[in-house]
Amino acid sequence: MMQEWYMPIQRSKPAVKTITVTGQGTIITKPDTVIITLGVRTEHKNVHEALAENAKRANAMIHALKAIGVREENIDTASFSIYPKYDYSNGNAALIGYEVEHIFDITVKDPKSVGNIYDTAVQNGANIARHIQFRLANEQPYYQQALSLAVKNAKEKAIVIARTLGLPLHDIPIQVTEESVAPSIPRTPSSIATLAASKAVTPIQTQDIIITATVQAVFPY
């Protein structure tokens, strides 16, 4: 008796049609932490004298900063350098002395006190200013807000596209991909300046911090 075999017909599922959009969310906030980079530069014909003078001025600055409430753990050495100085006149290089530079990073938890900290440092030995960094102690809550806005922005874009084209969009995405974006942290220019003591408190204007999140979302229709 002949057997008959029946092969089931495989019917391919129709491909899901999708709209892919990019959403972006931005949060603008004020910094709660400031890192000041400043220091002490001394010069002398004798390297030991240059070192001794630098240490004296640096210690006086640190003591004064601690006296106005800056914690010792928030004062860190960023760099320490000794440079020989030469006179290149008449085509010859003659050693004429040494320059010692001690640079500190000072972390300030109260942005309003930055001007006073600058003035105190200058009045007690600091004569170099480099840059100021405005930061957030904890960026994560702000980034999460920006991420939520990015998802909403992606959904709004998809809805606009679908309505414009007359498509029956499903407003729940089948895929969402987070694209990491580093927060933009404004800084003052990284230039070296020589500081001079002033009777008025140095006005330091805090800059906004911009935190951005970006996602790519795929919506079916």
N, C-alpha and C. Protein backbone atom coordinates (compact mmCIF):
# COMPACT_ATOMS: atom_id res chain seq x y z
N MET A 1 0.85 -1.19 0.00
CA MET A 1 0.00 0.00 0.00
C MET A 1 0.89 1.24 0.00
N MET A 2 0.64 2.15 -0.89
CA MET A 2 1.47 3.35 -1.01
C MET A 2 1.13 4.35 0.07
N GLN A 3 2.19 4.81 0.73
CA GLN A 3 2.00 5.83 1.77
C GLN A 3 2.17 7.22 1.16
N GLU A 4 1.35 8.10 1.62
CA GLU A 4 1.44 9.47 1.15
C GLU A 4 1.92 10.38 2.28
N TRP A 5 2.87 11.19 1.95
CA TRP A 5 3.42 12.11 2.95
C TRP A 5 3.00 13.53 2.60
N TYR A 6 2.59 14.25 3.61
CA TYR A 6 2.16 15.63 3.40
C TYR A 6 3.09 16.56 4.17
N MET A 7 3.67 17.45 3.46
CA MET A 7 4.55 18.44 4.08
C MET A 7 3.73 19.70 4.41
N PRO A 8 3.76 20.12 5.68
CA PRO A 8 3.02 21.35 6.03
C PRO A 8 3.59 22.54 5.30
N ILE A 9 2.73 23.39 4.84
CA ILE A 9 3.16 24.58 4.12
C ILE A 9 3.60 25.64 5.12
N GLN A 10 4.87 26.05 4.99
CA GLN A 10 5.39 27.08 5.89
C GLN A 10 5.02 28.47 5.34
N ARG A 11 4.25 29.16 6.09
CA ARG A 11 3.86 30.49 5.67
C ARG A 11 4.68 31.52 6.46
N SER A 12 5.42 32.29 5.77
CA SER A 12 6.26 33.30 6.44
C SER A 12 5.39 34.43 6.99
N LYS A 13 5.76 34.84 8.17
CA LYS A 13 5.04 35.95 8.79
C LYS A 13 5.41 37.25 8.08
N PRO A 14 4.45 38.11 7.91
CA PRO A 14 4.78 39.38 7.26
C PRO A 14 5.77 40.17 8.12
N ALA A 15 6.73 40.78 7.48
CA ALA A 15 7.74 41.55 8.20
C ALA A 15 7.09 42.73 8.93
N VAL A 16 7.55 42.96 10.14
CA VAL A 16 7.02 44.07 10.92
C VAL A 16 7.58 45.38 10.35
N LYS A 17 6.70 46.28 10.05
CA LYS A 17 7.13 47.58 9.55
C LYS A 17 7.37 48.50 10.74
N THR A 18 8.42 49.22 10.65
CA THR A 18 8.81 50.04 11.81
C THR A 18 9.23 51.45 11.40
N ILE A 19 9.19 52.31 12.39
CA ILE A 19 9.73 53.67 12.28
C ILE A 19 10.81 53.80 13.35
N THR A 20 11.99 54.23 12.95
CA THR A 20 13.10 54.39 13.89
C THR A 20 13.39 55.88 14.06
N VAL A 21 13.43 56.31 15.30
CA VAL A 21 13.67 57.72 15.59
C VAL A 21 14.72 57.86 16.69
N THR A 22 15.31 59.03 16.76
CA THR A 22 16.26 59.36 17.83
C THR A 22 15.65 60.44 18.72
N GLY A 23 15.65 60.18 20.01
CA GLY A 23 15.11 61.16 20.96
C GLY A 23 16.21 61.72 21.83
N GLN A 24 16.07 62.97 22.20
CA GLN A 24 17.08 63.61 23.04
C GLN A 24 16.41 64.38 24.17
N GLY A 25 17.01 64.28 25.35
CA GLY A 25 16.53 65.02 26.51
C GLY A 25 17.66 65.79 27.16
N THR A 26 17.37 66.98 27.62
CA THR A 26 18.40 67.84 28.21
C THR A 26 17.93 68.43 29.53
N ILE A 27 18.80 68.38 30.52
CA ILE A 27 18.55 69.00 31.82
C ILE A 27 19.64 70.05 32.06
N ILE A 28 19.22 71.25 32.43
CA ILE A 28 20.16 72.32 32.75
C ILE A 28 20.05 72.62 34.25
N THR A 29 21.18 72.58 34.92
CA THR A 29 21.16 72.80 36.37
C THR A 29 22.41 73.55 36.80
N LYS A 30 22.39 74.00 38.04
CA LYS A 30 23.54 74.71 38.60
C LYS A 30 24.49 73.71 39.27
N PRO A 31 25.78 73.97 39.24
CA PRO A 31 26.73 73.07 39.91
C PRO A 31 26.63 73.17 41.42
N ASP A 32 26.97 72.07 42.09
CA ASP A 32 27.02 72.10 43.55
C ASP A 32 28.45 71.87 44.06
N THR A 33 29.38 71.70 43.13
CA THR A 33 30.78 71.48 43.48
C THR A 33 31.67 72.26 42.50
N VAL A 34 32.70 72.89 43.02
CA VAL A 34 33.64 73.63 42.18
C VAL A 34 35.06 73.17 42.53
N ILE A 35 35.85 72.92 41.50
CA ILE A 35 37.26 72.57 41.71
C ILE A 35 38.11 73.73 41.20
N ILE A 36 38.84 74.34 42.11
CA ILE A 36 39.71 75.47 41.79
C ILE A 36 41.14 74.96 41.67
N THR A 37 41.80 75.33 40.59
CA THR A 37 43.22 74.97 40.43
C THR A 37 44.05 76.24 40.54
N LEU A 38 44.86 76.32 41.58
CA LEU A 38 45.75 77.46 41.78
C LEU A 38 47.01 76.99 42.50
N GLY A 39 47.96 77.90 42.64
CA GLY A 39 49.19 77.44 43.27
C GLY A 39 50.19 78.54 43.56
N VAL A 40 51.41 78.11 43.88
CA VAL A 40 52.49 79.00 44.29
C VAL A 40 53.69 78.79 43.39
N ARG A 41 54.22 79.90 42.87
CA ARG A 41 55.45 79.86 42.07
C ARG A 41 56.51 80.73 42.74
N THR A 42 57.71 80.18 42.93
CA THR A 42 58.82 80.94 43.51
C THR A 42 60.06 80.77 42.65
N GLU A 43 60.94 81.78 42.72
CA GLU A 43 62.19 81.76 41.95
C GLU A 43 63.35 82.16 42.86
N HIS A 44 64.49 81.52 42.62
CA HIS A 44 65.70 81.88 43.38
C HIS A 44 66.92 81.32 42.64
N LYS A 45 68.04 81.96 42.86
CA LYS A 45 69.27 81.46 42.26
C LYS A 45 69.63 80.08 42.81
N ASN A 46 69.31 79.87 44.07
CA ASN A 46 69.62 78.61 44.74
C ASN A 46 68.36 77.75 44.81
N VAL A 47 68.44 76.49 44.36
CA VAL A 47 67.25 75.64 44.32
C VAL A 47 66.67 75.39 45.70
N HIS A 48 67.54 75.29 46.70
CA HIS A 48 67.05 75.05 48.06
C HIS A 48 66.28 76.25 48.59
N GLU A 49 66.71 77.44 48.24
CA GLU A 49 66.00 78.64 48.66
C GLU A 49 64.65 78.74 47.95
N ALA A 50 64.64 78.38 46.67
CA ALA A 50 63.38 78.40 45.93
C ALA A 50 62.39 77.41 46.52
N LEU A 51 62.88 76.23 46.89
CA LEU A 51 62.02 75.21 47.52
C LEU A 51 61.52 75.67 48.88
N ALA A 52 62.41 76.23 49.68
CA ALA A 52 62.03 76.66 51.02
C ALA A 52 60.98 77.77 50.97
N GLU A 53 61.16 78.73 50.08
CA GLU A 53 60.19 79.82 49.95
C GLU A 53 58.85 79.30 49.46
N ASN A 54 58.89 78.36 48.52
CA ASN A 54 57.65 77.79 48.00
C ASN A 54 56.89 77.04 49.09
N ALA A 55 57.62 76.25 49.87
CA ALA A 55 56.99 75.48 50.95
C ALA A 55 56.38 76.41 51.98
N LYS A 56 57.09 77.51 52.29
CA LYS A 56 56.59 78.47 53.28
C LYS A 56 55.28 79.09 52.82
N ARG A 57 55.24 79.52 51.56
CA ARG A 57 54.04 80.17 51.04
C ARG A 57 52.89 79.18 50.86
N ALA A 58 53.20 77.98 50.41
CA ALA A 58 52.16 76.96 50.21
C ALA A 58 51.54 76.56 51.55
N ASN A 59 52.37 76.39 52.57
CA ASN A 59 51.86 76.03 53.89
C ASN A 59 51.01 77.14 54.48
N ALA A 60 51.42 78.39 54.26
CA ALA A 60 50.63 79.52 54.75
C ALA A 60 49.27 79.57 54.06
N MET A 61 49.26 79.29 52.77
CA MET A 61 48.00 79.29 52.02
C MET A 61 47.07 78.18 52.54
N ILE A 62 47.62 76.99 52.71
CA ILE A 62 46.81 75.86 53.19
C ILE A 62 46.25 76.15 54.57
N HIS A 63 47.08 76.69 55.45
CA HIS A 63 46.62 77.01 56.82
C HIS A 63 45.48 78.02 56.77
N ALA A 64 45.60 79.04 55.92
CA ALA A 64 44.56 80.07 55.82
C ALA A 64 43.27 79.50 55.25
N LEU A 65 43.38 78.62 54.27
CA LEU A 65 42.18 78.00 53.69
C LEU A 65 41.46 77.13 54.71
N LYS A 66 42.22 76.39 55.49
CA LYS A 66 41.62 75.55 56.53
C LYS A 66 40.93 76.41 57.58
N ALA A 67 41.48 77.61 57.83
CA ALA A 67 40.91 78.52 58.83
C ALA A 67 39.54 79.05 58.40
N ILE A 68 39.27 79.10 57.09
CA ILE A 68 37.96 79.59 56.64
C ILE A 68 37.02 78.42 56.28
N GLY A 69 37.41 77.19 56.66
CA GLY A 69 36.48 76.08 56.53
C GLY A 69 36.76 75.07 55.44
N VAL A 70 37.85 75.26 54.68
CA VAL A 70 38.18 74.28 53.64
C VAL A 70 38.81 73.07 54.32
N ARG A 71 38.25 71.90 54.09
CA ARG A 71 38.75 70.69 54.74
C ARG A 71 40.07 70.25 54.10
N GLU A 72 40.93 69.68 54.92
CA GLU A 72 42.25 69.27 54.43
C GLU A 72 42.16 68.26 53.29
N GLU A 73 41.19 67.35 53.37
CA GLU A 73 41.05 66.33 52.32
C GLU A 73 40.56 66.91 51.00
N ASN A 74 40.12 68.18 51.02
CA ASN A 74 39.68 68.83 49.79
C ASN A 74 40.76 69.71 49.16
N ILE A 75 41.98 69.61 49.71
CA ILE A 75 43.13 70.31 49.14
C ILE A 75 44.13 69.27 48.67
N ASP A 76 44.28 69.13 47.37
CA ASP A 76 45.14 68.09 46.80
C ASP A 76 46.22 68.70 45.90
N THR A 77 47.41 68.12 45.96
CA THR A 77 48.46 68.54 45.04
C THR A 77 48.16 68.02 43.65
N ALA A 78 48.08 68.94 42.68
CA ALA A 78 47.86 68.54 41.28
C ALA A 78 49.19 68.32 40.57
N SER A 79 50.19 69.14 40.90
CA SER A 79 51.52 68.96 40.31
C SER A 79 52.55 69.72 41.15
N PHE A 80 53.79 69.23 41.06
CA PHE A 80 54.90 69.89 41.75
C PHE A 80 56.11 69.81 40.82
N SER A 81 56.67 70.98 40.48
CA SER A 81 57.73 71.00 39.47
C SER A 81 58.87 71.93 39.87
N ILE A 82 60.09 71.55 39.43
CA ILE A 82 61.27 72.39 39.58
C ILE A 82 61.85 72.60 38.19
N TYR A 83 61.98 73.87 37.80
CA TYR A 83 62.50 74.18 36.47
C TYR A 83 63.80 74.97 36.59
N PRO A 84 64.87 74.53 35.94
CA PRO A 84 66.07 75.37 35.88
C PRO A 84 65.85 76.53 34.92
N LYS A 85 66.41 77.68 35.22
CA LYS A 85 66.27 78.85 34.36
C LYS A 85 67.63 79.21 33.77
N TYR A 86 67.62 79.49 32.48
CA TYR A 86 68.87 79.77 31.78
C TYR A 86 68.83 81.14 31.11
N ASP A 87 70.01 81.72 30.99
CA ASP A 87 70.18 82.94 30.22
C ASP A 87 70.87 82.54 28.91
N TYR A 88 70.18 82.79 27.79
CA TYR A 88 70.70 82.35 26.49
C TYR A 88 71.36 83.50 25.72
N SER A 89 71.75 84.54 26.40
CA SER A 89 72.39 85.66 25.71
C SER A 89 73.79 85.27 25.24
N ASN A 90 74.25 85.92 24.17
CA ASN A 90 75.57 85.70 23.58
C ASN A 90 75.79 84.28 23.09
N GLY A 91 74.67 83.59 22.83
CA GLY A 91 74.78 82.25 22.26
C GLY A 91 75.15 81.18 23.26
N ASN A 92 75.21 81.52 24.53
CA ASN A 92 75.54 80.53 25.55
C ASN A 92 74.38 80.35 26.52
N ALA A 93 74.25 79.15 27.06
CA ALA A 93 73.21 78.85 28.05
C ALA A 93 73.83 78.85 29.43
N ALA A 94 73.52 79.87 30.20
CA ALA A 94 74.07 79.98 31.55
C ALA A 94 72.95 79.81 32.57
N LEU A 95 73.13 78.89 33.50
CA LEU A 95 72.14 78.66 34.55
C LEU A 95 72.10 79.86 35.48
N ILE A 96 70.90 80.45 35.62
CA ILE A 96 70.79 81.66 36.44
C ILE A 96 69.88 81.45 37.67
N GLY A 97 69.27 80.29 37.79
CA GLY A 97 68.42 80.06 38.95
C GLY A 97 67.41 78.95 38.72
N TYR A 98 66.44 78.89 39.63
CA TYR A 98 65.44 77.82 39.58
C TYR A 98 64.05 78.38 39.86
N GLU A 99 63.10 77.75 39.27
CA GLU A 99 61.69 78.11 39.49
C GLU A 99 60.97 76.88 40.04
N VAL A 100 60.28 77.06 41.16
CA VAL A 100 59.53 75.97 41.78
C VAL A 100 58.03 76.29 41.69
N GLU A 101 57.27 75.33 41.27
CA GLU A 101 55.83 75.54 41.10
C GLU A 101 55.06 74.41 41.78
N HIS A 102 54.17 74.78 42.69
CA HIS A 102 53.32 73.81 43.40
C HIS A 102 51.87 74.17 43.12
N ILE A 103 51.17 73.27 42.41
CA ILE A 103 49.80 73.52 41.99
C ILE A 103 48.84 72.64 42.79
N PHE A 104 47.73 73.23 43.24
CA PHE A 104 46.75 72.52 44.05
C PHE A 104 45.38 72.50 43.37
N ASP A 105 44.65 71.41 43.57
CA ASP A 105 43.22 71.34 43.24
C ASP A 105 42.45 71.47 44.55
N ILE A 106 41.60 72.48 44.63
CA ILE A 106 40.81 72.71 45.85
C ILE A 106 39.35 72.45 45.53
N THR A 107 38.76 71.48 46.19
CA THR A 107 37.36 71.13 45.97
C THR A 107 36.48 71.93 46.92
N VAL A 108 35.55 72.67 46.34
CA VAL A 108 34.68 73.56 47.11
C VAL A 108 33.25 73.04 47.02
N LYS A 109 32.63 72.80 48.16
CA LYS A 109 31.26 72.28 48.19
C LYS A 109 30.21 73.38 48.14
N ASP A 110 30.61 74.60 48.42
CA ASP A 110 29.69 75.73 48.37
C ASP A 110 30.16 76.71 47.29
N PRO A 111 29.54 76.67 46.10
CA PRO A 111 30.00 77.55 45.01
C PRO A 111 30.02 79.03 45.38
N LYS A 112 29.17 79.46 46.32
CA LYS A 112 29.14 80.87 46.69
C LYS A 112 30.41 81.32 47.41
N SER A 113 31.18 80.37 47.93
CA SER A 113 32.38 80.72 48.69
C SER A 113 33.63 80.76 47.83
N VAL A 114 33.51 80.51 46.52
CA VAL A 114 34.68 80.43 45.66
C VAL A 114 35.48 81.72 45.65
N GLY A 115 34.80 82.86 45.52
CA GLY A 115 35.50 84.13 45.50
C GLY A 115 36.32 84.37 46.76
N ASN A 116 35.74 84.06 47.90
CA ASN A 116 36.45 84.24 49.17
C ASN A 116 37.65 83.32 49.27
N ILE A 117 37.50 82.08 48.74
CA ILE A 117 38.62 81.14 48.77
C ILE A 117 39.76 81.63 47.89
N TYR A 118 39.43 82.15 46.72
CA TYR A 118 40.45 82.73 45.86
C TYR A 118 41.21 83.84 46.59
N ASP A 119 40.45 84.77 47.16
CA ASP A 119 41.09 85.91 47.81
C ASP A 119 41.95 85.49 48.99
N THR A 120 41.46 84.53 49.76
CA THR A 120 42.23 84.04 50.91
C THR A 120 43.52 83.39 50.45
N ALA A 121 43.45 82.60 49.37
CA ALA A 121 44.64 81.94 48.85
C ALA A 121 45.67 82.96 48.39
N VAL A 122 45.20 83.99 47.66
CA VAL A 122 46.11 85.02 47.14
C VAL A 122 46.76 85.81 48.27
N GLN A 123 45.97 86.17 49.26
CA GLN A 123 46.48 86.96 50.38
C GLN A 123 47.49 86.18 51.22
N ASN A 124 47.54 84.86 51.03
CA ASN A 124 48.42 84.03 51.86
C ASN A 124 49.40 83.19 51.04
N GLY A 125 49.77 83.69 49.86
CA GLY A 125 50.87 83.04 49.15
C GLY A 125 50.62 82.59 47.73
N ALA A 126 49.38 82.35 47.33
CA ALA A 126 49.12 81.88 45.97
C ALA A 126 49.36 83.00 44.97
N ASN A 127 50.00 82.67 43.85
CA ASN A 127 50.22 83.67 42.80
C ASN A 127 50.01 83.10 41.40
N ILE A 128 49.38 81.93 41.32
CA ILE A 128 49.04 81.32 40.03
C ILE A 128 47.59 80.86 40.08
N ALA A 129 46.82 81.17 39.04
CA ALA A 129 45.47 80.64 38.89
C ALA A 129 45.40 79.95 37.54
N ARG A 130 44.83 78.78 37.49
CA ARG A 130 44.72 78.08 36.21
C ARG A 130 43.27 77.98 35.76
N HIS A 131 42.49 77.06 36.25
CA HIS A 131 41.11 76.99 35.78
C HIS A 131 40.16 76.61 36.90
N ILE A 132 38.87 76.77 36.58
CA ILE A 132 37.80 76.40 37.50
C ILE A 132 36.94 75.35 36.81
N GLN A 133 36.62 74.29 37.52
CA GLN A 133 35.74 73.26 36.99
C GLN A 133 34.44 73.25 37.79
N PHE A 134 33.32 73.40 37.08
CA PHE A 134 32.00 73.36 37.72
C PHE A 134 31.44 71.95 37.55
N ARG A 135 31.02 71.34 38.64
CA ARG A 135 30.58 69.95 38.60
C ARG A 135 29.35 69.71 39.48
N LEU A 136 28.83 68.48 39.34
CA LEU A 136 27.78 67.98 40.23
C LEU A 136 28.37 66.84 41.04
N ALA A 137 28.08 66.82 42.33
CA ALA A 137 28.58 65.74 43.16
C ALA A 137 27.97 64.40 42.75
N ASN A 138 26.70 64.44 42.32
CA ASN A 138 26.02 63.22 41.86
C ASN A 138 25.22 63.56 40.60
N GLU A 139 25.71 63.17 39.45
CA GLU A 139 25.05 63.51 38.19
C GLU A 139 23.90 62.57 37.85
N GLN A 140 23.87 61.38 38.48
CA GLN A 140 22.93 60.34 38.05
C GLN A 140 21.46 60.75 38.08
N PRO A 141 20.96 61.38 39.15
CA PRO A 141 19.54 61.77 39.14
C PRO A 141 19.19 62.71 37.99
N TYR A 142 20.09 63.61 37.66
CA TYR A 142 19.85 64.54 36.56
C TYR A 142 19.88 63.82 35.21
N TYR A 143 20.81 62.86 35.09
CA TYR A 143 20.88 62.10 33.85
C TYR A 143 19.62 61.26 33.65
N GLN A 144 19.11 60.70 34.73
CA GLN A 144 17.88 59.91 34.63
C GLN A 144 16.70 60.77 34.17
N GLN A 145 16.64 62.01 34.65
CA GLN A 145 15.60 62.93 34.18
C GLN A 145 15.76 63.20 32.68
N ALA A 146 17.01 63.42 32.27
CA ALA A 146 17.27 63.67 30.85
C ALA A 146 16.92 62.45 30.01
N LEU A 147 17.18 61.26 30.54
CA LEU A 147 16.87 60.03 29.82
C LEU A 147 15.37 59.86 29.64
N SER A 148 14.60 60.18 30.68
CA SER A 148 13.14 60.12 30.58
C SER A 148 12.63 61.07 29.51
N LEU A 149 13.19 62.28 29.48
CA LEU A 149 12.79 63.25 28.46
C LEU A 149 13.16 62.77 27.06
N ALA A 150 14.29 62.06 26.94
CA ALA A 150 14.72 61.56 25.63
C ALA A 150 13.74 60.51 25.10
N VAL A 151 13.25 59.64 25.98
CA VAL A 151 12.28 58.62 25.56
C VAL A 151 10.98 59.28 25.12
N LYS A 152 10.52 60.28 25.89
CA LYS A 152 9.30 60.99 25.52
C LYS A 152 9.47 61.72 24.19
N ASN A 153 10.64 62.29 23.98
CA ASN A 153 10.92 62.99 22.74
C ASN A 153 10.90 62.03 21.55
N ALA A 154 11.43 60.83 21.73
CA ALA A 154 11.42 59.83 20.66
C ALA A 154 9.98 59.43 20.31
N LYS A 155 9.16 59.24 21.34
CA LYS A 155 7.75 58.87 21.12
C LYS A 155 7.02 59.98 20.38
N GLU A 156 7.25 61.23 20.79
CA GLU A 156 6.59 62.37 20.12
C GLU A 156 6.99 62.44 18.65
N LYS A 157 8.25 62.21 18.36
CA LYS A 157 8.71 62.23 16.97
C LYS A 157 8.05 61.14 16.14
N ALA A 158 7.97 59.94 16.73
CA ALA A 158 7.36 58.82 16.00
C ALA A 158 5.88 59.10 15.71
N ILE A 159 5.18 59.68 16.68
CA ILE A 159 3.76 60.00 16.49
C ILE A 159 3.59 61.03 15.38
N VAL A 160 4.42 62.04 15.35
CA VAL A 160 4.34 63.07 14.31
C VAL A 160 4.58 62.46 12.94
N ILE A 161 5.57 61.60 12.82
CA ILE A 161 5.87 60.96 11.54
C ILE A 161 4.71 60.11 11.08
N ALA A 162 4.17 59.31 12.02
CA ALA A 162 3.06 58.42 11.66
C ALA A 162 1.82 59.19 11.24
N ARG A 163 1.50 60.25 11.97
CA ARG A 163 0.33 61.06 11.62
C ARG A 163 0.51 61.72 10.25
N THR A 164 1.70 62.20 10.01
CA THR A 164 1.96 62.87 8.73
C THR A 164 1.80 61.90 7.56
N LEU A 165 2.23 60.65 7.76
CA LEU A 165 2.16 59.65 6.69
C LEU A 165 0.87 58.83 6.73
N GLY A 166 0.02 59.07 7.73
CA GLY A 166 -1.22 58.31 7.85
C GLY A 166 -1.01 56.86 8.21
N LEU A 167 -0.06 56.60 9.10
CA LEU A 167 0.25 55.22 9.48
C LEU A 167 -0.35 54.90 10.85
N PRO A 168 -0.79 53.65 11.05
CA PRO A 168 -1.39 53.23 12.33
C PRO A 168 -0.30 52.86 13.34
N LEU A 169 0.32 53.83 13.91
CA LEU A 169 1.47 53.58 14.78
C LEU A 169 1.07 52.97 16.11
N HIS A 170 1.87 51.99 16.58
CA HIS A 170 1.77 51.49 17.95
C HIS A 170 2.74 52.31 18.78
N ASP A 171 2.24 53.02 19.79
CA ASP A 171 3.09 54.00 20.48
C ASP A 171 3.99 53.40 21.56
N ILE A 172 4.04 52.05 21.63
CA ILE A 172 4.98 51.40 22.54
C ILE A 172 6.12 50.84 21.68
N PRO A 173 7.34 51.27 21.88
CA PRO A 173 8.44 50.82 21.02
C PRO A 173 8.78 49.34 21.25
N ILE A 174 9.26 48.70 20.20
CA ILE A 174 9.69 47.30 20.33
C ILE A 174 11.18 47.24 20.69
N GLN A 175 11.85 48.38 20.60
CA GLN A 175 13.26 48.42 20.96
C GLN A 175 13.66 49.84 21.31
N VAL A 176 14.40 49.97 22.40
CA VAL A 176 14.95 51.27 22.80
C VAL A 176 16.42 51.07 23.13
N THR A 177 17.27 51.86 22.52
CA THR A 177 18.71 51.77 22.75
C THR A 177 19.22 53.08 23.32
N GLU A 178 19.86 52.98 24.47
CA GLU A 178 20.44 54.17 25.09
C GLU A 178 21.79 54.46 24.45
N GLU A 179 21.96 55.69 24.03
CA GLU A 179 23.23 56.12 23.47
C GLU A 179 23.89 57.06 24.47
N SER A 180 25.00 56.61 25.03
CA SER A 180 25.64 57.39 26.09
C SER A 180 26.14 58.72 25.57
N VAL A 181 25.83 59.76 26.31
CA VAL A 181 26.31 61.09 26.00
C VAL A 181 26.88 61.69 27.27
N ALA A 182 28.13 62.09 27.23
CA ALA A 182 28.77 62.68 28.41
C ALA A 182 28.16 64.05 28.68
N PRO A 183 27.93 64.37 29.96
CA PRO A 183 27.39 65.70 30.26
C PRO A 183 28.38 66.78 29.89
N SER A 184 27.83 67.90 29.44
CA SER A 184 28.68 69.03 29.09
C SER A 184 28.95 69.83 30.34
N ILE A 185 30.23 69.94 30.69
CA ILE A 185 30.60 70.66 31.91
C ILE A 185 31.38 71.91 31.51
N PRO A 186 30.75 73.07 31.59
CA PRO A 186 31.45 74.30 31.19
C PRO A 186 32.66 74.56 32.09
N ARG A 187 33.69 75.12 31.50
CA ARG A 187 34.87 75.50 32.25
C ARG A 187 35.32 76.87 31.78
N THR A 188 36.01 77.57 32.66
CA THR A 188 36.66 78.79 32.21
C THR A 188 37.89 78.38 31.43
N PRO A 189 38.41 79.22 30.56
CA PRO A 189 39.58 78.87 29.76
C PRO A 189 40.76 78.42 30.62
N SER A 190 41.46 77.39 30.18
CA SER A 190 42.60 76.85 30.93
C SER A 190 43.85 77.68 30.66
N SER A 191 43.90 78.83 31.22
CA SER A 191 45.05 79.71 31.02
C SER A 191 45.70 79.98 32.36
N ILE A 192 46.98 80.29 32.30
CA ILE A 192 47.72 80.59 33.52
C ILE A 192 47.69 82.09 33.76
N ALA A 193 47.37 82.48 34.96
CA ALA A 193 47.34 83.91 35.28
C ALA A 193 48.10 84.14 36.57
N THR A 194 48.68 85.31 36.69
CA THR A 194 49.34 85.68 37.94
C THR A 194 48.34 86.46 38.78
N LEU A 195 48.17 86.06 40.01
CA LEU A 195 47.17 86.68 40.88
C LEU A 195 47.79 87.77 41.74
N ALA A 196 46.99 88.76 42.00
CA ALA A 196 47.39 89.84 42.90
C ALA A 196 46.29 90.03 43.93
N ALA A 197 46.66 90.33 45.14
CA ALA A 197 45.67 90.50 46.20
C ALA A 197 44.77 91.69 45.90
N SER A 198 43.49 91.56 46.27
CA SER A 198 42.52 92.61 46.03
C SER A 198 41.68 92.81 47.28
N LYS A 199 41.27 94.06 47.51
CA LYS A 199 40.44 94.34 48.67
C LYS A 199 39.02 93.84 48.48
N ALA A 200 38.54 93.81 47.22
CA ALA A 200 37.18 93.36 46.95
C ALA A 200 37.18 91.84 46.75
N VAL A 201 36.05 91.20 47.11
CA VAL A 201 35.94 89.76 46.90
C VAL A 201 35.83 89.47 45.41
N THR A 202 36.65 88.54 44.94
CA THR A 202 36.66 88.20 43.52
C THR A 202 35.29 87.67 43.10
N PRO A 203 34.63 88.27 42.11
CA PRO A 203 33.31 87.77 41.69
C PRO A 203 33.45 86.57 40.76
N ILE A 204 33.03 85.42 41.21
CA ILE A 204 33.06 84.20 40.40
C ILE A 204 31.62 83.84 40.05
N GLN A 205 31.30 83.86 38.76
CA GLN A 205 29.95 83.53 38.30
C GLN A 205 29.87 82.04 37.94
N THR A 206 29.01 81.32 38.64
CA THR A 206 28.87 79.90 38.33
C THR A 206 28.19 79.70 36.98
N GLN A 207 28.60 78.68 36.27
CA GLN A 207 28.05 78.38 34.95
C GLN A 207 27.11 77.18 35.04
N ASP A 208 26.10 77.19 34.18
CA ASP A 208 25.16 76.07 34.15
C ASP A 208 25.84 74.79 33.65
N ILE A 209 25.36 73.67 34.15
CA ILE A 209 25.80 72.37 33.66
C ILE A 209 24.68 71.80 32.81
N ILE A 210 25.01 71.35 31.62
CA ILE A 210 24.04 70.79 30.68
C ILE A 210 24.26 69.28 30.60
N ILE A 211 23.24 68.53 30.95
CA ILE A 211 23.31 67.07 30.90
C ILE A 211 22.35 66.57 29.83
N THR A 212 22.87 65.79 28.90
CA THR A 212 22.09 65.34 27.76
C THR A 212 22.06 63.81 27.69
N ALA A 213 20.88 63.27 27.37
CA ALA A 213 20.72 61.83 27.14
C ALA A 213 20.09 61.64 25.75
N THR A 214 20.52 60.59 25.06
CA THR A 214 20.01 60.29 23.73
C THR A 214 19.62 58.82 23.63
N VAL A 215 18.47 58.55 23.02
CA VAL A 215 18.03 57.17 22.81
C VAL A 215 17.61 57.00 21.34
N GLN A 216 17.69 55.76 20.89
CA GLN A 216 17.14 55.40 19.58
C GLN A 216 15.99 54.42 19.83
N ALA A 217 14.83 54.72 19.30
CA ALA A 217 13.63 53.90 19.55
C ALA A 217 13.03 53.42 18.24
N VAL A 218 12.55 52.17 18.25
CA VAL A 218 11.93 51.56 17.07
C VAL A 218 10.46 51.29 17.38
N PHE A 219 9.57 51.90 16.60
CA PHE A 219 8.14 51.76 16.80
C PHE A 219 7.52 50.97 15.63
N PRO A 220 6.67 49.98 15.95
CA PRO A 220 6.01 49.22 14.87
C PRO A 220 4.74 49.91 14.39
N TYR A 221 4.36 49.63 13.14
CA TYR A 221 3.08 50.13 12.63
C TYR A 221 2.49 49.11 11.65
